[in-house]
Amino acid sequence: MILVTGATGNVGRHVVAQLAGAGLRVRALVRDPGRADLPEGVEAVKGDLTAPETLAPALTGVESVFLVWPGFSGEAARPVVDLVAAHARRVVYLSANAPAGTPTFHADVERLIRGSGINWTFLRPGGFAANTLGWADQIRTGVVRWPYGQASRSLIHEKDIAAVAVHVLTSAGHNGAAYTLSGPARLTQAEQVAVIGRAVGREVRWEDQEPQEAREALLAAWGNAAFVDGALKAWGRLVDEPEEVTPTVERLIGRPALPFEQWAADHVADFR
């Protein structure tokens, strides 16, 4: 039995679907089983990672766990990691390959997992292509205003992260590995917007926004000044120090990582 947390999220829903499609026993941790809309044969169990006391039914009889940690506090994951280690044989943790200087909770969660005694594998994707969904309202107007249009990232499709996760969950030889994942090529943020525009059939232009203006919007959304300031600083650094491109996806799953153009085509409806 494989337990998938974040089972209705951008990555988790693909992990669930790919595992179920391979005929494997899958259990999905969800807040509301009645609204989860999971593939046939997937067992939905109610639970919440932020309320560890709800997790015992989901972890009973589980061999492996795909763990996605919600929130900004890594230390808060300690009771969850302890429970996973007490029930399961291994955990595949969706971590991050964050730009240098970016404040991140992932290192804290990784430390907890290493110290728990469970077999582990860490997946460290860089920029998620799905994060560009935050521009959807602006894409519809034809103009995206955001800082650092020349910041360059190798965005990865959530389907590729899921495919790597499924491979690791269902094959041997990954214990103690930390895999850095990326898309197949770099694009600046301005180029990303142009790609999305072509996919939806609408000309979309980029306008550089002052970082301080973006900071106010992000602070209202995230509520953590240190995290916002660190993120803006890291994004600015990507102008001169582009995100790395790695061959890890192709090495692990036997095909090239999907290009951003494919991601945009898959998400046209989200931008219309």
Protein backbone atom coordinates (compact mmCIF):
# COMPACT_ATOMS: atom_id res chain seq x y z
CA MET A 1 0.00 0.00 0.00
CA ILE A 2 1.30 3.46 -0.96
CA LEU A 3 -0.05 6.53 0.81
CA VAL A 4 -0.08 9.76 -1.17
CA THR A 5 -0.38 13.04 0.72
CA GLY A 6 -1.31 16.19 -1.16
CA ALA A 7 -3.35 13.78 -3.27
CA THR A 8 -5.53 16.45 -4.90
CA GLY A 9 -2.70 18.94 -5.48
CA ASN A 10 -0.77 19.75 -8.65
CA VAL A 11 1.72 16.90 -8.24
CA GLY A 12 -0.12 14.51 -5.93
CA ARG A 13 -3.10 14.02 -8.22
CA HIS A 14 -0.76 12.82 -10.98
CA VAL A 15 1.07 10.53 -8.57
CA VAL A 16 -2.26 8.98 -7.58
CA ALA A 17 -3.40 8.61 -11.18
CA GLN A 18 -0.13 7.07 -12.38
CA LEU A 19 0.06 4.61 -9.49
CA ALA A 20 -3.59 3.61 -9.93
CA GLY A 21 -3.08 3.27 -13.67
CA ALA A 22 -0.29 0.79 -13.00
CA GLY A 23 -2.66 -1.32 -10.92
CA LEU A 24 -0.99 -0.57 -7.57
CA ARG A 25 -2.73 -0.19 -4.23
CA VAL A 26 -3.07 3.50 -3.53
CA ARG A 27 -4.44 5.33 -0.53
CA ALA A 28 -5.03 9.08 -0.76
CA LEU A 29 -4.95 11.37 2.27
CA VAL A 30 -7.63 14.03 1.75
CA ARG A 31 -9.55 16.48 3.88
CA ASP A 32 -12.90 15.63 2.28
CA PRO A 33 -13.17 12.18 0.63
CA GLY A 34 -16.55 13.11 -0.84
CA ARG A 35 -15.06 15.88 -2.93
CA ALA A 36 -11.69 14.33 -3.80
CA ASP A 37 -12.64 13.07 -7.31
CA LEU A 38 -10.04 10.28 -7.31
CA PRO A 39 -9.51 7.54 -9.91
CA GLU A 40 -11.48 4.33 -9.53
CA GLY A 41 -9.95 1.92 -7.07
CA VAL A 42 -8.10 4.56 -5.02
CA GLU A 43 -8.91 4.47 -1.32
CA ALA A 44 -9.63 7.94 0.06
CA VAL A 45 -8.96 8.42 3.78
CA LYS A 46 -9.82 11.58 5.66
CA GLY A 47 -6.93 13.28 7.42
CA ASP A 48 -4.92 16.48 7.72
CA LEU A 49 -1.14 16.74 7.98
CA THR A 50 -1.52 19.81 10.18
CA ALA A 51 -3.51 17.67 12.65
CA PRO A 52 -1.29 14.62 13.26
CA GLU A 53 -3.87 12.99 15.51
CA THR A 54 -6.00 12.37 12.37
CA LEU A 55 -3.35 10.36 10.51
CA ALA A 56 -3.37 6.91 12.12
CA PRO A 57 -6.14 5.44 9.89
CA ALA A 58 -4.34 6.58 6.76
CA LEU A 59 -0.98 5.14 7.84
CA THR A 60 -2.22 1.73 8.98
CA GLY A 61 -0.79 -1.00 6.76
CA VAL A 62 1.17 1.43 4.58
CA GLU A 63 4.60 0.48 3.19
CA SER A 64 5.58 3.73 1.42
CA VAL A 65 4.54 7.37 1.72
CA PHE A 66 4.73 10.19 -0.80
CA LEU A 67 5.00 13.23 1.45
CA VAL A 68 4.14 16.81 0.53
CA TRP A 69 4.45 19.17 3.48
CA PRO A 70 2.04 22.15 3.54
CA GLY A 71 3.04 25.43 5.11
CA PHE A 72 6.21 27.36 5.87
CA SER A 73 7.32 25.71 9.14
CA GLY A 74 9.55 22.67 8.78
CA GLU A 75 9.75 22.05 12.51
CA ALA A 76 5.97 21.63 12.61
CA ALA A 77 6.45 18.48 10.53
CA ARG A 78 8.21 16.65 13.39
CA PRO A 79 5.14 14.72 14.72
CA VAL A 80 4.10 13.79 11.17
CA VAL A 81 7.58 12.51 10.30
CA ASP A 82 7.63 10.50 13.54
CA LEU A 83 4.27 8.92 12.70
CA VAL A 84 5.32 8.07 9.15
CA ALA A 85 8.53 6.49 10.43
CA ALA A 86 6.57 4.45 12.97
CA HIS A 87 4.24 2.97 10.34
CA ALA A 88 5.96 2.92 6.94
CA ARG A 89 9.18 1.48 5.55
CA ARG A 90 10.12 4.43 3.36
CA VAL A 91 9.18 7.97 2.44
CA VAL A 92 9.59 9.92 -0.79
CA TYR A 93 9.59 13.60 0.14
CA LEU A 94 8.77 16.37 -2.33
CA SER A 95 11.44 18.88 -1.36
CA ALA A 96 12.87 21.74 -3.46
CA ASN A 97 16.00 22.87 -5.23
CA ALA A 98 15.61 26.46 -4.08
CA PRO A 99 17.80 29.27 -5.47
CA ALA A 100 20.60 30.24 -3.09
CA GLY A 101 19.35 32.61 -0.42
CA THR A 102 15.72 31.56 -0.68
CA PRO A 103 14.19 30.95 2.74
CA THR A 104 12.85 27.40 2.76
CA PHE A 105 11.35 24.94 5.21
CA HIS A 106 12.39 21.98 3.08
CA ALA A 107 15.86 21.65 4.61
CA ASP A 108 14.28 21.36 8.06
CA VAL A 109 11.88 18.63 6.92
CA GLU A 110 14.73 16.76 5.22
CA ARG A 111 16.73 16.92 8.46
CA LEU A 112 13.80 15.48 10.43
CA ILE A 113 13.37 12.65 7.92
CA ARG A 114 17.09 11.80 7.97
CA GLY A 115 16.99 11.59 11.75
CA SER A 116 13.84 9.44 11.89
CA GLY A 117 15.45 6.17 10.84
CA ILE A 118 13.11 5.60 7.89
CA ASN A 119 14.40 4.87 4.37
CA TRP A 120 14.12 8.06 2.37
CA THR A 121 14.42 9.67 -1.06
CA PHE A 122 14.23 13.41 -1.65
CA LEU A 123 12.91 14.94 -4.88
CA ARG A 124 14.24 18.47 -5.35
CA PRO A 125 12.57 20.17 -8.31
CA GLY A 126 13.46 23.73 -9.17
CA GLY A 127 10.80 26.09 -10.49
CA PHE A 128 7.35 24.55 -10.91
CA ALA A 129 5.73 25.38 -14.22
CA ALA A 130 2.42 25.40 -12.32
CA ASN A 131 3.53 28.48 -10.39
CA THR A 132 2.90 30.53 -13.53
CA LEU A 133 -0.81 29.93 -12.95
CA GLY A 134 -0.49 32.88 -10.58
CA TRP A 135 -0.37 35.08 -13.69
CA ALA A 136 -3.68 33.76 -15.05
CA ASP A 137 -5.74 36.89 -14.36
CA GLN A 138 -3.09 39.10 -15.93
CA ILE A 139 -2.69 36.77 -18.92
CA ARG A 140 -6.38 37.33 -19.64
CA THR A 141 -5.80 41.10 -19.80
CA GLY A 142 -2.87 40.74 -22.19
CA VAL A 143 -0.25 42.27 -19.85
CA VAL A 144 1.72 40.62 -17.06
CA ARG A 145 3.37 43.00 -14.56
CA TRP A 146 5.88 41.28 -12.30
CA PRO A 147 9.51 41.87 -11.27
CA TYR A 148 12.56 40.48 -13.04
CA GLY A 149 11.39 39.65 -16.52
CA GLN A 150 14.88 38.40 -17.41
CA ALA A 151 15.06 35.96 -14.49
CA SER A 152 15.69 32.58 -16.13
CA ARG A 153 14.28 29.28 -14.87
CA SER A 154 14.16 25.67 -16.06
CA LEU A 155 10.51 25.09 -15.14
CA ILE A 156 9.36 21.52 -14.66
CA HIS A 157 5.96 20.04 -15.55
CA GLU A 158 4.14 18.56 -12.56
CA LYS A 159 3.58 15.39 -14.61
CA ASP A 160 7.36 14.87 -14.69
CA ILE A 161 7.72 15.31 -10.94
CA ALA A 162 4.95 12.75 -10.50
CA ALA A 163 6.52 10.33 -12.97
CA VAL A 164 9.82 10.46 -11.07
CA ALA A 165 7.97 9.99 -7.77
CA VAL A 166 6.15 6.92 -9.11
CA HIS A 167 9.40 5.46 -10.44
CA VAL A 168 11.10 5.93 -7.08
CA LEU A 169 8.12 4.55 -5.16
CA THR A 170 7.95 1.43 -7.29
CA SER A 171 11.60 0.52 -7.86
CA ALA A 172 14.69 -0.25 -5.81
CA GLY A 173 17.99 1.58 -5.52
CA HIS A 174 16.83 5.02 -4.43
CA ASN A 175 17.36 4.89 -0.67
CA GLY A 176 19.37 7.89 0.51
CA ALA A 177 19.21 9.64 -2.88
CA ALA A 178 18.40 13.32 -3.37
CA TYR A 179 17.38 13.99 -6.98
CA THR A 180 17.58 17.51 -8.42
CA LEU A 181 14.87 17.85 -11.07
CA SER A 182 14.31 20.43 -13.78
CA GLY A 183 12.63 21.01 -17.09
CA PRO A 184 14.61 20.55 -20.33
CA ALA A 185 15.51 24.20 -20.99
CA ARG A 186 15.66 27.67 -19.46
CA LEU A 187 13.19 30.43 -20.24
CA THR A 188 13.09 33.94 -18.86
CA GLN A 189 9.89 34.98 -17.17
CA ALA A 190 9.10 37.25 -20.13
CA GLU A 191 9.59 34.27 -22.47
CA GLN A 192 7.31 32.13 -20.30
CA VAL A 193 4.53 34.69 -20.68
CA ALA A 194 5.01 34.74 -24.45
CA VAL A 195 4.77 30.93 -24.59
CA ILE A 196 1.52 30.97 -22.60
CA GLY A 197 0.16 33.68 -24.89
CA ARG A 198 0.85 31.61 -27.98
CA ALA A 199 -0.80 28.58 -26.39
CA VAL A 200 -4.01 30.48 -25.65
CA GLY A 201 -3.94 32.40 -28.94
CA ARG A 202 -3.55 35.81 -27.37
CA GLU A 203 -0.67 38.27 -27.52
CA VAL A 204 0.60 38.84 -24.00
CA ARG A 205 3.35 41.30 -23.16
CA TRP A 206 5.58 41.64 -20.14
CA GLU A 207 6.02 44.77 -18.04
CA ASP A 208 8.67 44.85 -15.34
CA GLN A 209 7.20 45.74 -11.97
CA GLU A 210 9.11 47.37 -9.14
CA PRO A 211 10.03 44.72 -6.55
CA GLN A 212 8.66 46.87 -3.72
CA GLU A 213 5.24 46.95 -5.37
CA ALA A 214 5.26 43.17 -5.77
CA ARG A 215 6.42 42.82 -2.17
CA GLU A 216 3.24 44.45 -0.90
CA ALA A 217 1.06 42.02 -2.85
CA LEU A 218 3.09 39.00 -1.79
CA LEU A 219 3.10 40.07 1.84
CA ALA A 220 -0.69 40.26 1.75
CA ALA A 221 -0.84 36.76 0.23
CA TRP A 222 1.87 35.01 2.27
CA GLY A 223 1.98 37.01 5.49
CA ASN A 224 5.67 36.27 6.12
CA ALA A 225 7.97 39.23 5.50
CA ALA A 226 11.22 37.25 5.73
CA PHE A 227 9.96 34.68 3.24
CA VAL A 228 8.75 37.38 0.82
CA ASP A 229 12.00 39.35 0.99
CA GLY A 230 14.11 36.24 0.54
CA ALA A 231 12.03 35.08 -2.41
CA LEU A 232 12.28 38.42 -4.19
CA LYS A 233 16.04 38.51 -3.63
CA ALA A 234 16.43 35.00 -4.99
CA TRP A 235 14.29 35.72 -8.05
CA GLY A 236 16.39 38.79 -8.76
CA ARG A 237 19.55 36.69 -8.59
CA LEU A 238 18.17 34.45 -11.34
CA VAL A 239 18.72 37.30 -13.81
CA ASP A 240 22.49 36.79 -13.61
CA GLU A 241 22.57 33.23 -12.26
CA PRO A 242 19.99 31.20 -14.23
CA GLU A 243 18.50 28.06 -12.76
CA GLU A 244 20.34 24.86 -13.66
CA VAL A 245 19.10 22.31 -16.19
CA THR A 246 19.57 18.71 -15.09
CA PRO A 247 19.25 15.40 -16.99
CA THR A 248 17.72 13.63 -13.99
CA VAL A 249 14.17 13.22 -15.31
CA GLU A 250 15.33 11.50 -18.49
CA ARG A 251 17.87 9.38 -16.60
CA LEU A 252 15.23 8.09 -14.19
CA ILE A 253 12.14 7.64 -16.37
CA GLY A 254 13.71 7.08 -19.79
CA ARG A 255 12.29 10.05 -21.69
CA PRO A 256 13.15 13.75 -21.86
CA ALA A 257 11.47 16.16 -19.49
CA LEU A 258 8.41 17.83 -20.99
CA PRO A 259 9.02 21.35 -22.37
CA PHE A 260 7.23 24.40 -21.02
CA GLU A 261 5.35 24.64 -24.32
CA GLN A 262 3.73 21.28 -23.51
CA TRP A 263 2.82 22.46 -20.03
CA ALA A 264 1.19 25.61 -21.47
CA ALA A 265 -0.78 23.53 -23.97
CA ASP A 266 -1.96 21.25 -21.15
CA HIS A 267 -3.21 24.27 -19.16
CA VAL A 268 -4.84 26.43 -21.84
CA ALA A 269 -8.20 26.24 -20.08
CA ASP A 270 -6.68 27.70 -16.91
CA PHE A 271 -5.71 30.89 -18.75
CA ARG A 272 -8.96 31.46 -20.67
